[in-house]
Amino acid sequence: MKYLHKIAAMLAIFIGIMSVIAGSKVLLGFDVKNYTVLNWLVIYNVILGIISMMAAYLIWKNNLNTKKIVALILASHILIATHLYFFSETVASESIKAMYFRISIWLVILLLVYKKEH
């Protein structure tokens, strides 16, 4: 089952790189959206993308803190998605869908990391 944490690491690096590239393009003005963009959310996504890439390294190396960092990233995304869904009137549906996508990927990563250890 050692390959499961490699798959988890690849998913984490994928979601991390994707978040950094997409968010950076928006922040730098290369990708202008035709809906309301919440700059704080884009910055959050870039920061979590960087953290995701660091987490991917820890997952790959089978670090002792792997489960904690994965759970922290997943919890962070869930909290932000909850805030967006219930408390933000200006959020675009694309932003909500993107957060749900991130949550689903990190749920899979968590399951792979957990499965690897049991």
PDB file of N, CA and C in Angstrom:
ATOM      1  N   MET A   1       0.813  -1.195   0.000  1.00  0.00           N
ATOM      2  CA  MET A   1       0.000   0.000   0.000  1.00  0.00           C
ATOM      3  C   MET A   1       0.859   1.262   0.000  1.00  0.00           C
ATOM      4  N   LYS A   2       2.147   1.091  -0.179  1.00  0.00           N
ATOM      5  CA  LYS A   2       3.040   2.251  -0.166  1.00  0.00           C
ATOM      6  C   LYS A   2       2.752   3.220  -1.311  1.00  0.00           C
ATOM      7  N   TYR A   3       2.213   2.707  -2.387  1.00  0.00           N
ATOM      8  CA  TYR A   3       1.926   3.549  -3.550  1.00  0.00           C
ATOM      9  C   TYR A   3       0.800   4.546  -3.276  1.00  0.00           C
ATOM     10  N   LEU A   4      -0.048   4.292  -2.288  1.00  0.00           N
ATOM     11  CA  LEU A   4      -1.172   5.186  -2.013  1.00  0.00           C
ATOM     12  C   LEU A   4      -0.712   6.581  -1.601  1.00  0.00           C
ATOM     13  N   HIS A   5       0.357   6.643  -0.794  1.00  0.00           N
ATOM     14  CA  HIS A   5       0.816   7.979  -0.397  1.00  0.00           C
ATOM     15  C   HIS A   5       1.488   8.698  -1.560  1.00  0.00           C
ATOM     16  N   LYS A   6       2.011   7.956  -2.535  1.00  0.00           N
ATOM     17  CA  LYS A   6       2.567   8.593  -3.733  1.00  0.00           C
ATOM     18  C   LYS A   6       1.434   9.203  -4.574  1.00  0.00           C
ATOM     19  N   ILE A   7       0.322   8.488  -4.672  1.00  0.00           N
ATOM     20  CA  ILE A   7      -0.838   9.016  -5.387  1.00  0.00           C
ATOM     21  C   ILE A   7      -1.356  10.265  -4.674  1.00  0.00           C
ATOM     22  N   ALA A   8      -1.436  10.198  -3.341  1.00  0.00           N
ATOM     23  CA  ALA A   8      -1.888  11.355  -2.551  1.00  0.00           C
ATOM     24  C   ALA A   8      -0.966  12.546  -2.778  1.00  0.00           C
ATOM     25  N   ALA A   9       0.339  12.299  -2.802  1.00  0.00           N
ATOM     26  CA  ALA A   9       1.306  13.381  -3.021  1.00  0.00           C
ATOM     27  C   ALA A   9       1.133  13.997  -4.411  1.00  0.00           C
ATOM     28  N   MET A  10       0.893  13.159  -5.410  1.00  0.00           N
ATOM     29  CA  MET A  10       0.701  13.674  -6.767  1.00  0.00           C
ATOM     30  C   MET A  10      -0.579  14.517  -6.862  1.00  0.00           C
ATOM     31  N   LEU A  11      -1.633  14.093  -6.181  1.00  0.00           N
ATOM     32  CA  LEU A  11      -2.868  14.896  -6.159  1.00  0.00           C
ATOM     33  C   LEU A  11      -2.628  16.238  -5.467  1.00  0.00           C
ATOM     34  N   ALA A  12      -1.874  16.211  -4.372  1.00  0.00           N
ATOM     35  CA  ALA A  12      -1.588  17.450  -3.635  1.00  0.00           C
ATOM     36  C   ALA A  12      -0.749  18.412  -4.474  1.00  0.00           C
ATOM     37  N   ILE A  13       0.246  17.893  -5.183  1.00  0.00           N
ATOM     38  CA  ILE A  13       1.083  18.781  -6.009  1.00  0.00           C
ATOM     39  C   ILE A  13       0.253  19.325  -7.173  1.00  0.00           C
ATOM     40  N   PHE A  14      -0.619  18.498  -7.725  1.00  0.00           N
ATOM     41  CA  PHE A  14      -1.487  18.936  -8.823  1.00  0.00           C
ATOM     42  C   PHE A  14      -2.394  20.083  -8.381  1.00  0.00           C
ATOM     43  N   ILE A  15      -3.102  19.901  -7.264  1.00  0.00           N
ATOM     44  CA  ILE A  15      -4.030  20.932  -6.799  1.00  0.00           C
ATOM     45  C   ILE A  15      -3.270  22.179  -6.362  1.00  0.00           C
ATOM     46  N   GLY A  16      -2.076  21.998  -5.817  1.00  0.00           N
ATOM     47  CA  GLY A  16      -1.263  23.131  -5.397  1.00  0.00           C
ATOM     48  C   GLY A  16      -0.789  23.969  -6.576  1.00  0.00           C
ATOM     49  N   ILE A  17      -0.223  23.310  -7.560  1.00  0.00           N
ATOM     50  CA  ILE A  17       0.261  24.024  -8.753  1.00  0.00           C
ATOM     51  C   ILE A  17      -0.893  24.708  -9.472  1.00  0.00           C
ATOM     52  N   MET A  18      -1.994  23.999  -9.587  1.00  0.00           N
ATOM     53  CA  MET A  18      -3.163  24.553 -10.266  1.00  0.00           C
ATOM     54  C   MET A  18      -3.651  25.817  -9.547  1.00  0.00           C
ATOM     55  N   SER A  19      -3.695  25.781  -8.222  1.00  0.00           N
ATOM     56  CA  SER A  19      -4.158  26.933  -7.439  1.00  0.00           C
ATOM     57  C   SER A  19      -3.217  28.122  -7.566  1.00  0.00           C
ATOM     58  N   VAL A  20      -1.924  27.849  -7.523  1.00  0.00           N
ATOM     59  CA  VAL A  20      -0.939  28.930  -7.624  1.00  0.00           C
ATOM     60  C   VAL A  20      -0.987  29.572  -9.008  1.00  0.00           C
ATOM     61  N   ILE A  21      -1.031  28.771 -10.038  1.00  0.00           N
ATOM     62  CA  ILE A  21      -1.049  29.313 -11.406  1.00  0.00           C
ATOM     63  C   ILE A  21      -2.339  30.096 -11.663  1.00  0.00           C
ATOM     64  N   ALA A  22      -3.481  29.484 -11.367  1.00  0.00           N
ATOM     65  CA  ALA A  22      -4.762  30.151 -11.633  1.00  0.00           C
ATOM     66  C   ALA A  22      -4.887  31.432 -10.809  1.00  0.00           C
ATOM     67  N   GLY A  23      -4.551  31.364  -9.538  1.00  0.00           N
ATOM     68  CA  GLY A  23      -4.664  32.541  -8.681  1.00  0.00           C
ATOM     69  C   GLY A  23      -3.705  33.643  -9.064  1.00  0.00           C
ATOM     70  N   SER A  24      -2.491  33.274  -9.404  1.00  0.00           N
ATOM     71  CA  SER A  24      -1.490  34.269  -9.798  1.00  0.00           C
ATOM     72  C   SER A  24      -1.902  34.985 -11.078  1.00  0.00           C
ATOM     73  N   LYS A  25      -2.472  34.244 -12.019  1.00  0.00           N
ATOM     74  CA  LYS A  25      -2.936  34.872 -13.255  1.00  0.00           C
ATOM     75  C   LYS A  25      -4.012  35.913 -12.979  1.00  0.00           C
ATOM     76  N   VAL A  26      -4.901  35.628 -12.037  1.00  0.00           N
ATOM     77  CA  VAL A  26      -5.954  36.580 -11.683  1.00  0.00           C
ATOM     78  C   VAL A  26      -5.350  37.780 -10.960  1.00  0.00           C
ATOM     79  N   LEU A  27      -4.476  37.523  -9.986  1.00  0.00           N
ATOM     80  CA  LEU A  27      -3.874  38.615  -9.214  1.00  0.00           C
ATOM     81  C   LEU A  27      -3.026  39.544 -10.075  1.00  0.00           C
ATOM     82  N   LEU A  28      -2.359  38.977 -11.080  1.00  0.00           N
ATOM     83  CA  LEU A  28      -1.498  39.778 -11.952  1.00  0.00           C
ATOM     84  C   LEU A  28      -2.261  40.412 -13.120  1.00  0.00           C
ATOM     85  N   GLY A  29      -3.557  40.119 -13.222  1.00  0.00           N
ATOM     86  CA  GLY A  29      -4.378  40.729 -14.261  1.00  0.00           C
ATOM     87  C   GLY A  29      -4.306  40.039 -15.611  1.00  0.00           C
ATOM     88  N   PHE A  30      -3.696  38.851 -15.682  1.00  0.00           N
ATOM     89  CA  PHE A  30      -3.614  38.114 -16.946  1.00  0.00           C
ATOM     90  C   PHE A  30      -4.910  37.375 -17.259  1.00  0.00           C
ATOM     91  N   ASP A  31      -5.693  37.107 -16.231  1.00  0.00           N
ATOM     92  CA  ASP A  31      -6.962  36.387 -16.398  1.00  0.00           C
ATOM     93  C   ASP A  31      -8.055  37.219 -15.734  1.00  0.00           C
ATOM     94  N   VAL A  32      -8.796  37.949 -16.557  1.00  0.00           N
ATOM     95  CA  VAL A  32      -9.863  38.809 -16.051  1.00  0.00           C
ATOM     96  C   VAL A  32     -11.173  38.032 -16.135  1.00  0.00           C
ATOM     97  N   LYS A  33     -11.845  37.926 -15.002  1.00  0.00           N
ATOM     98  CA  LYS A  33     -13.098  37.172 -14.930  1.00  0.00           C
ATOM     99  C   LYS A  33     -14.278  38.086 -15.210  1.00  0.00           C
ATOM    100  N   ASN A  34     -15.353  37.496 -15.693  1.00  0.00           N
ATOM    101  CA  ASN A  34     -16.569  38.279 -15.948  1.00  0.00           C
ATOM    102  C   ASN A  34     -17.562  38.124 -14.793  1.00  0.00           C
ATOM    103  N   TYR A  35     -17.034  37.886 -13.613  1.00  0.00           N
ATOM    104  CA  TYR A  35     -17.828  37.822 -12.402  1.00  0.00           C
ATOM    105  C   TYR A  35     -17.030  38.471 -11.276  1.00  0.00           C
ATOM    106  N   THR A  36     -17.686  38.688 -10.156  1.00  0.00           N
ATOM    107  CA  THR A  36     -17.042  39.343  -9.019  1.00  0.00           C
ATOM    108  C   THR A  36     -15.928  38.462  -8.465  1.00  0.00           C
ATOM    109  N   VAL A  37     -14.741  39.026  -8.375  1.00  0.00           N
ATOM    110  CA  VAL A  37     -13.587  38.307  -7.833  1.00  0.00           C
ATOM    111  C   VAL A  37     -13.311  38.846  -6.427  1.00  0.00           C
ATOM    112  N   LEU A  38     -13.254  37.940  -5.480  1.00  0.00           N
ATOM    113  CA  LEU A  38     -12.907  38.308  -4.109  1.00  0.00           C
ATOM    114  C   LEU A  38     -11.395  38.164  -3.971  1.00  0.00           C
ATOM    115  N   ASN A  39     -10.695  39.304  -3.951  1.00  0.00           N
ATOM    116  CA  ASN A  39      -9.225  39.245  -3.910  1.00  0.00           C
ATOM    117  C   ASN A  39      -8.701  38.456  -2.726  1.00  0.00           C
ATOM    118  N   TRP A  40      -9.328  38.585  -1.557  1.00  0.00           N
ATOM    119  CA  TRP A  40      -8.860  37.835  -0.401  1.00  0.00           C
ATOM    120  C   TRP A  40      -8.949  36.328  -0.652  1.00  0.00           C
ATOM    121  N   LEU A  41      -9.972  35.896  -1.408  1.00  0.00           N
ATOM    122  CA  LEU A  41     -10.131  34.477  -1.714  1.00  0.00           C
ATOM    123  C   LEU A  41      -9.058  34.001  -2.689  1.00  0.00           C
ATOM    124  N   VAL A  42      -8.726  34.831  -3.656  1.00  0.00           N
ATOM    125  CA  VAL A  42      -7.667  34.479  -4.606  1.00  0.00           C
ATOM    126  C   VAL A  42      -6.326  34.375  -3.868  1.00  0.00           C
ATOM    127  N   ILE A  43      -6.065  35.327  -2.986  1.00  0.00           N
ATOM    128  CA  ILE A  43      -4.821  35.285  -2.192  1.00  0.00           C
ATOM    129  C   ILE A  43      -4.801  34.036  -1.316  1.00  0.00           C
ATOM    130  N   TYR A  44      -5.915  33.735  -0.675  1.00  0.00           N
ATOM    131  CA  TYR A  44      -6.031  32.509   0.125  1.00  0.00           C
ATOM    132  C   TYR A  44      -5.690  31.286  -0.725  1.00  0.00           C
ATOM    133  N   ASN A  45      -6.268  31.218  -1.925  1.00  0.00           N
ATOM    134  CA  ASN A  45      -6.040  30.068  -2.792  1.00  0.00           C
ATOM    135  C   ASN A  45      -4.574  29.938  -3.199  1.00  0.00           C
ATOM    136  N   VAL A  46      -3.915  31.048  -3.460  1.00  0.00           N
ATOM    137  CA  VAL A  46      -2.491  31.003  -3.819  1.00  0.00           C
ATOM    138  C   VAL A  46      -1.667  30.517  -2.620  1.00  0.00           C
ATOM    139  N   ILE A  47      -1.955  31.069  -1.450  1.00  0.00           N
ATOM    140  CA  ILE A  47      -1.216  30.661  -0.243  1.00  0.00           C
ATOM    141  C   ILE A  47      -1.435  29.174   0.053  1.00  0.00           C
ATOM    142  N   LEU A  48      -2.693  28.737  -0.027  1.00  0.00           N
ATOM    143  CA  LEU A  48      -2.970  27.317   0.215  1.00  0.00           C
ATOM    144  C   LEU A  48      -2.395  26.442  -0.891  1.00  0.00           C
ATOM    145  N   GLY A  49      -2.265  26.986  -2.087  1.00  0.00           N
ATOM    146  CA  GLY A  49      -1.605  26.242  -3.162  1.00  0.00           C
ATOM    147  C   GLY A  49      -0.142  25.990  -2.832  1.00  0.00           C
ATOM    148  N   ILE A  50       0.520  27.000  -2.310  1.00  0.00           N
ATOM    149  CA  ILE A  50       1.925  26.851  -1.904  1.00  0.00           C
ATOM    150  C   ILE A  50       2.031  25.849  -0.758  1.00  0.00           C
ATOM    151  N   ILE A  51       1.136  25.975   0.214  1.00  0.00           N
ATOM    152  CA  ILE A  51       1.130  25.031   1.333  1.00  0.00           C
ATOM    153  C   ILE A  51       0.843  23.614   0.830  1.00  0.00           C
ATOM    154  N   SER A  52      -0.024  23.491  -0.164  1.00  0.00           N
ATOM    155  CA  SER A  52      -0.335  22.183  -0.746  1.00  0.00           C
ATOM    156  C   SER A  52       0.894  21.540  -1.380  1.00  0.00           C
ATOM    157  N   MET A  53       1.713  22.360  -2.033  1.00  0.00           N
ATOM    158  CA  MET A  53       2.937  21.824  -2.632  1.00  0.00           C
ATOM    159  C   MET A  53       3.916  21.367  -1.554  1.00  0.00           C
ATOM    160  N   MET A  54       3.984  22.106  -0.462  1.00  0.00           N
ATOM    161  CA  MET A  54       4.837  21.679   0.653  1.00  0.00           C
ATOM    162  C   MET A  54       4.279  20.401   1.278  1.00  0.00           C
ATOM    163  N   ALA A  55       2.945  20.330   1.388  1.00  0.00           N
ATOM    164  CA  ALA A  55       2.310  19.124   1.923  1.00  0.00           C
ATOM    165  C   ALA A  55       2.588  17.923   1.024  1.00  0.00           C
ATOM    166  N   ALA A  56       2.587  18.160  -0.283  1.00  0.00           N
ATOM    167  CA  ALA A  56       2.872  17.069  -1.226  1.00  0.00           C
ATOM    168  C   ALA A  56       4.250  16.468  -0.947  1.00  0.00           C
ATOM    169  N   TYR A  57       5.214  17.324  -0.672  1.00  0.00           N
ATOM    170  CA  TYR A  57       6.566  16.847  -0.344  1.00  0.00           C
ATOM    171  C   TYR A  57       6.536  16.010   0.935  1.00  0.00           C
ATOM    172  N   LEU A  58       5.827  16.501   1.953  1.00  0.00           N
ATOM    173  CA  LEU A  58       5.741  15.761   3.218  1.00  0.00           C
ATOM    174  C   LEU A  58       5.039  14.417   3.028  1.00  0.00           C
ATOM    175  N   ILE A  59       3.985  14.416   2.221  1.00  0.00           N
ATOM    176  CA  ILE A  59       3.270  13.167   1.934  1.00  0.00           C
ATOM    177  C   ILE A  59       4.204  12.196   1.219  1.00  0.00           C
ATOM    178  N   TRP A  60       4.918  12.675   0.213  1.00  0.00           N
ATOM    179  CA  TRP A  60       5.826  11.840  -0.567  1.00  0.00           C
ATOM    180  C   TRP A  60       6.900  11.218   0.329  1.00  0.00           C
ATOM    181  N   LYS A  61       7.407  12.025   1.247  1.00  0.00           N
ATOM    182  CA  LYS A  61       8.464  11.560   2.159  1.00  0.00           C
ATOM    183  C   LYS A  61       7.906  10.773   3.339  1.00  0.00           C
ATOM    184  N   ASN A  62       6.592  10.619   3.401  1.00  0.00           N
ATOM    185  CA  ASN A  62       5.939   9.883   4.474  1.00  0.00           C
ATOM    186  C   ASN A  62       6.272  10.480   5.843  1.00  0.00           C
ATOM    187  N   ASN A  63       6.231  11.795   5.917  1.00  0.00           N
ATOM    188  CA  ASN A  63       6.532  12.530   7.143  1.00  0.00           C
ATOM    189  C   ASN A  63       5.514  12.194   8.235  1.00  0.00           C
ATOM    190  N   LEU A  64       5.950  12.247   9.474  1.00  0.00           N
ATOM    191  CA  LEU A  64       5.071  11.927  10.600  1.00  0.00           C
ATOM    192  C   LEU A  64       3.898  12.894  10.734  1.00  0.00           C
ATOM    193  N   ASN A  65       4.045  14.103  10.243  1.00  0.00           N
ATOM    194  CA  ASN A  65       2.991  15.114  10.344  1.00  0.00           C
ATOM    195  C   ASN A  65       2.031  15.127   9.157  1.00  0.00           C
ATOM    196  N   THR A  66       2.135  14.152   8.293  1.00  0.00           N
ATOM    197  CA  THR A  66       1.332  14.117   7.068  1.00  0.00           C
ATOM    198  C   THR A  66      -0.162  14.211   7.356  1.00  0.00           C
ATOM    199  N   LYS A  67      -0.665  13.376   8.235  1.00  0.00           N
ATOM    200  CA  LYS A  67      -2.110  13.380   8.506  1.00  0.00           C
ATOM    201  C   LYS A  67      -2.565  14.721   9.074  1.00  0.00           C
ATOM    202  N   LYS A  68      -1.733  15.342   9.901  1.00  0.00           N
ATOM    203  CA  LYS A  68      -2.102  16.623  10.499  1.00  0.00           C
ATOM    204  C   LYS A  68      -2.203  17.716   9.443  1.00  0.00           C
ATOM    205  N   ILE A  69      -1.220  17.800   8.561  1.00  0.00           N
ATOM    206  CA  ILE A  69      -1.224  18.867   7.543  1.00  0.00           C
ATOM    207  C   ILE A  69      -2.373  18.662   6.561  1.00  0.00           C
ATOM    208  N   VAL A  70      -2.630  17.411   6.196  1.00  0.00           N
ATOM    209  CA  VAL A  70      -3.739  17.126   5.279  1.00  0.00           C
ATOM    210  C   VAL A  70      -5.064  17.516   5.932  1.00  0.00           C
ATOM    211  N   ALA A  71      -5.250  17.146   7.194  1.00  0.00           N
ATOM    212  CA  ALA A  71      -6.481  17.486   7.909  1.00  0.00           C
ATOM    213  C   ALA A  71      -6.619  18.999   8.064  1.00  0.00           C
ATOM    214  N   LEU A  72      -5.517  19.686   8.308  1.00  0.00           N
ATOM    215  CA  LEU A  72      -5.546  21.144   8.457  1.00  0.00           C
ATOM    216  C   LEU A  72      -5.942  21.828   7.150  1.00  0.00           C
ATOM    217  N   ILE A  73      -5.379  21.385   6.043  1.00  0.00           N
ATOM    218  CA  ILE A  73      -5.720  21.967   4.734  1.00  0.00           C
ATOM    219  C   ILE A  73      -7.192  21.707   4.417  1.00  0.00           C
ATOM    220  N   LEU A  74      -7.642  20.477   4.635  1.00  0.00           N
ATOM    221  CA  LEU A  74      -9.043  20.137   4.377  1.00  0.00           C
ATOM    222  C   LEU A  74      -9.970  20.972   5.253  1.00  0.00           C
ATOM    223  N   ALA A  75      -9.669  21.078   6.536  1.00  0.00           N
ATOM    224  CA  ALA A  75     -10.498  21.872   7.450  1.00  0.00           C
ATOM    225  C   ALA A  75     -10.533  23.340   7.032  1.00  0.00           C
ATOM    226  N   SER A  76      -9.393  23.866   6.599  1.00  0.00           N
ATOM    227  CA  SER A  76      -9.328  25.255   6.151  1.00  0.00           C
ATOM    228  C   SER A  76     -10.244  25.476   4.953  1.00  0.00           C
ATOM    229  N   HIS A  77     -10.188  24.573   3.986  1.00  0.00           N
ATOM    230  CA  HIS A  77     -11.056  24.695   2.807  1.00  0.00           C
ATOM    231  C   HIS A  77     -12.535  24.591   3.185  1.00  0.00           C
ATOM    232  N   ILE A  78     -12.851  23.701   4.118  1.00  0.00           N
ATOM    233  CA  ILE A  78     -14.247  23.544   4.542  1.00  0.00           C
ATOM    234  C   ILE A  78     -14.743  24.819   5.232  1.00  0.00           C
ATOM    235  N   LEU A  79     -13.900  25.397   6.073  1.00  0.00           N
ATOM    236  CA  LEU A  79     -14.285  26.638   6.753  1.00  0.00           C
ATOM    237  C   LEU A  79     -14.517  27.781   5.769  1.00  0.00           C
ATOM    238  N   ILE A  80     -13.610  27.917   4.803  1.00  0.00           N
ATOM    239  CA  ILE A  80     -13.764  28.981   3.806  1.00  0.00           C
ATOM    240  C   ILE A  80     -15.005  28.741   2.948  1.00  0.00           C
ATOM    241  N   ALA A  81     -15.229  27.496   2.538  1.00  0.00           N
ATOM    242  CA  ALA A  81     -16.416  27.182   1.730  1.00  0.00           C
ATOM    243  C   ALA A  81     -17.691  27.471   2.509  1.00  0.00           C
ATOM    244  N   THR A  82     -17.696  27.144   3.787  1.00  0.00           N
ATOM    245  CA  THR A  82     -18.858  27.424   4.631  1.00  0.00           C
ATOM    246  C   THR A  82     -19.106  28.927   4.718  1.00  0.00           C
ATOM    247  N   HIS A  83     -18.039  29.667   4.919  1.00  0.00           N
ATOM    248  CA  HIS A  83     -18.168  31.128   4.958  1.00  0.00           C
ATOM    249  C   HIS A  83     -18.723  31.662   3.639  1.00  0.00           C
ATOM    250  N   LEU A  84     -18.163  31.200   2.540  1.00  0.00           N
ATOM    251  CA  LEU A  84     -18.611  31.680   1.231  1.00  0.00           C
ATOM    252  C   LEU A  84     -20.077  31.345   0.994  1.00  0.00           C
ATOM    253  N   TYR A  85     -20.449  30.129   1.333  1.00  0.00           N
ATOM    254  CA  TYR A  85     -21.810  29.667   1.059  1.00  0.00           C
ATOM    255  C   TYR A  85     -22.853  30.398   1.906  1.00  0.00           C
ATOM    256  N   PHE A  86     -22.548  30.580   3.187  1.00  0.00           N
ATOM    257  CA  PHE A  86     -23.549  31.130   4.097  1.00  0.00           C
ATOM    258  C   PHE A  86     -23.447  32.630   4.341  1.00  0.00           C
ATOM    259  N   PHE A  87     -22.259  33.197   4.201  1.00  0.00           N
ATOM    260  CA  PHE A  87     -22.066  34.573   4.650  1.00  0.00           C
ATOM    261  C   PHE A  87     -21.614  35.563   3.587  1.00  0.00           C
ATOM    262  N   SER A  88     -21.327  35.111   2.392  1.00  0.00           N
ATOM    263  CA  SER A  88     -20.851  36.022   1.364  1.00  0.00           C
ATOM    264  C   SER A  88     -21.902  36.163   0.267  1.00  0.00           C
ATOM    265  N   GLU A  89     -22.397  37.371   0.118  1.00  0.00           N
ATOM    266  CA  GLU A  89     -23.425  37.617  -0.894  1.00  0.00           C
ATOM    267  C   GLU A  89     -22.830  37.907  -2.268  1.00  0.00           C
ATOM    268  N   THR A  90     -21.535  38.231  -2.313  1.00  0.00           N
ATOM    269  CA  THR A  90     -20.930  38.625  -3.583  1.00  0.00           C
ATOM    270  C   THR A  90     -20.114  37.512  -4.240  1.00  0.00           C
ATOM    271  N   VAL A  91     -20.069  36.344  -3.634  1.00  0.00           N
ATOM    272  CA  VAL A  91     -19.240  35.276  -4.179  1.00  0.00           C
ATOM    273  C   VAL A  91     -19.864  34.702  -5.454  1.00  0.00           C
ATOM    274  N   ALA A  92     -19.021  34.437  -6.420  1.00  0.00           N
ATOM    275  CA  ALA A  92     -19.471  33.841  -7.676  1.00  0.00           C
ATOM    276  C   ALA A  92     -19.651  32.333  -7.499  1.00  0.00           C
ATOM    277  N   SER A  93     -20.583  31.783  -8.237  1.00  0.00           N
ATOM    278  CA  SER A  93     -20.820  30.338  -8.148  1.00  0.00           C
ATOM    279  C   SER A  93     -19.566  29.561  -8.562  1.00  0.00           C
ATOM    280  N   GLU A  94     -18.766  30.136  -9.458  1.00  0.00           N
ATOM    281  CA  GLU A  94     -17.509  29.484  -9.864  1.00  0.00           C
ATOM    282  C   GLU A  94     -16.564  29.324  -8.680  1.00  0.00           C
ATOM    283  N   SER A  95     -16.556  30.294  -7.786  1.00  0.00           N
ATOM    284  CA  SER A  95     -15.699  30.221  -6.603  1.00  0.00           C
ATOM    285  C   SER A  95     -16.163  29.120  -5.657  1.00  0.00           C
ATOM    286  N   ILE A  96     -17.463  28.997  -5.494  1.00  0.00           N
ATOM    287  CA  ILE A  96     -18.030  27.939  -4.647  1.00  0.00           C
ATOM    288  C   ILE A  96     -17.683  26.570  -5.245  1.00  0.00           C
ATOM    289  N   LYS A  97     -17.861  26.431  -6.549  1.00  0.00           N
ATOM    290  CA  LYS A  97     -17.555  25.156  -7.214  1.00  0.00           C
ATOM    291  C   LYS A  97     -16.075  24.817  -7.087  1.00  0.00           C
ATOM    292  N   ALA A  98     -15.213  25.817  -7.217  1.00  0.00           N
ATOM    293  CA  ALA A  98     -13.771  25.588  -7.086  1.00  0.00           C
ATOM    294  C   ALA A  98     -13.417  25.120  -5.675  1.00  0.00           C
ATOM    295  N   MET A  99     -14.074  25.707  -4.661  1.00  0.00           N
ATOM    296  CA  MET A  99     -13.823  25.278  -3.283  1.00  0.00           C
ATOM    297  C   MET A  99     -14.313  23.849  -3.077  1.00  0.00           C
ATOM    298  N   TYR A 100     -15.455  23.506  -3.625  1.00  0.00           N
ATOM    299  CA  TYR A 100     -15.949  22.127  -3.501  1.00  0.00           C
ATOM    300  C   TYR A 100     -14.999  21.154  -4.189  1.00  0.00           C
ATOM    301  N   PHE A 101     -14.435  21.564  -5.322  1.00  0.00           N
ATOM    302  CA  PHE A 101     -13.448  20.728  -6.012  1.00  0.00           C
ATOM    303  C   PHE A 101     -12.230  20.504  -5.116  1.00  0.00           C
ATOM    304  N   ARG A 102     -11.723  21.587  -4.511  1.00  0.00           N
ATOM    305  CA  ARG A 102     -10.577  21.457  -3.609  1.00  0.00           C
ATOM    306  C   ARG A 102     -10.897  20.537  -2.432  1.00  0.00           C
ATOM    307  N   ILE A 103     -12.082  20.716  -1.865  1.00  0.00           N
ATOM    308  CA  ILE A 103     -12.485  19.873  -0.736  1.00  0.00           C
ATOM    309  C   ILE A 103     -12.529  18.409  -1.150  1.00  0.00           C
ATOM    310  N   SER A 104     -13.087  18.129  -2.317  1.00  0.00           N
ATOM    311  CA  SER A 104     -13.182  16.730  -2.762  1.00  0.00           C
ATOM    312  C   SER A 104     -11.799  16.129  -2.989  1.00  0.00           C
ATOM    313  N   ILE A 105     -10.883  16.895  -3.575  1.00  0.00           N
ATOM    314  CA  ILE A 105      -9.522  16.391  -3.786  1.00  0.00           C
ATOM    315  C   ILE A 105      -8.847  16.116  -2.449  1.00  0.00           C
ATOM    316  N   TRP A 106      -8.975  17.057  -1.495  1.00  0.00           N
ATOM    317  CA  TRP A 106      -8.330  16.869  -0.192  1.00  0.00           C
ATOM    318  C   TRP A 106      -8.994  15.763   0.614  1.00  0.00           C
ATOM    319  N   LEU A 107     -10.282  15.486   0.400  1.00  0.00           N
ATOM    320  CA  LEU A 107     -10.914  14.324   1.024  1.00  0.00           C
ATOM    321  C   LEU A 107     -10.294  13.031   0.500  1.00  0.00           C
ATOM    322  N   VAL A 108     -10.084  12.977  -0.800  1.00  0.00           N
ATOM    323  CA  VAL A 108      -9.431  11.803  -1.399  1.00  0.00           C
ATOM    324  C   VAL A 108      -8.022  11.649  -0.848  1.00  0.00           C
ATOM    325  N   ILE A 109      -7.284  12.758  -0.776  1.00  0.00           N
ATOM    326  CA  ILE A 109      -5.918  12.711  -0.230  1.00  0.00           C
ATOM    327  C   ILE A 109      -5.949  12.198   1.206  1.00  0.00           C
ATOM    328  N   LEU A 110      -6.878  12.710   2.019  1.00  0.00           N
ATOM    329  CA  LEU A 110      -6.991  12.261   3.407  1.00  0.00           C
ATOM    330  C   LEU A 110      -7.277  10.761   3.473  1.00  0.00           C
ATOM    331  N   LEU A 111      -8.192  10.290   2.632  1.00  0.00           N
ATOM    332  CA  LEU A 111      -8.513   8.861   2.611  1.00  0.00           C
ATOM    333  C   LEU A 111      -7.309   8.023   2.197  1.00  0.00           C
ATOM    334  N   LEU A 112      -6.565   8.501   1.219  1.00  0.00           N
ATOM    335  CA  LEU A 112      -5.374   7.765   0.778  1.00  0.00           C
ATOM    336  C   LEU A 112      -4.320   7.718   1.874  1.00  0.00           C
ATOM    337  N   VAL A 113      -4.127   8.821   2.555  1.00  0.00           N
ATOM    338  CA  VAL A 113      -3.143   8.876   3.642  1.00  0.00           C
ATOM    339  C   VAL A 113      -3.584   7.983   4.790  1.00  0.00           C
ATOM    340  N   TYR A 114      -4.873   8.026   5.111  1.00  0.00           N
ATOM    341  CA  TYR A 114      -5.394   7.191   6.188  1.00  0.00           C
ATOM    342  C   TYR A 114      -5.316   5.721   5.821  1.00  0.00           C
ATOM    343  N   LYS A 115      -5.703   5.386   4.603  1.00  0.00           N
ATOM    344  CA  LYS A 115      -5.683   3.996   4.115  1.00  0.00           C
ATOM    345  C   LYS A 115      -4.276   3.436   4.128  1.00  0.00           C
ATOM    346  N   LYS A 116      -3.327   4.286   3.793  1.00  0.00           N
ATOM    347  CA  LYS A 116      -1.922   3.882   3.750  1.00  0.00           C
ATOM    348  C   LYS A 116      -1.448   3.404   5.121  1.00  0.00           C
ATOM    349  N   GLU A 117      -1.971   4.014   6.162  1.00  0.00           N
ATOM    350  CA  GLU A 117      -1.495   3.709   7.505  1.00  0.00           C
ATOM    351  C   GLU A 117      -2.266   2.587   8.178  1.00  0.00           C
ATOM    352  N   HIS A 118      -3.392   2.198   7.611  1.00  0.00           N
ATOM    353  CA  HIS A 118      -4.193   1.165   8.281  1.00  0.00           C
ATOM    354  C   HIS A 118      -4.380  -0.042   7.407  1.00  0.00           C
TER     355      HIS A 118
END
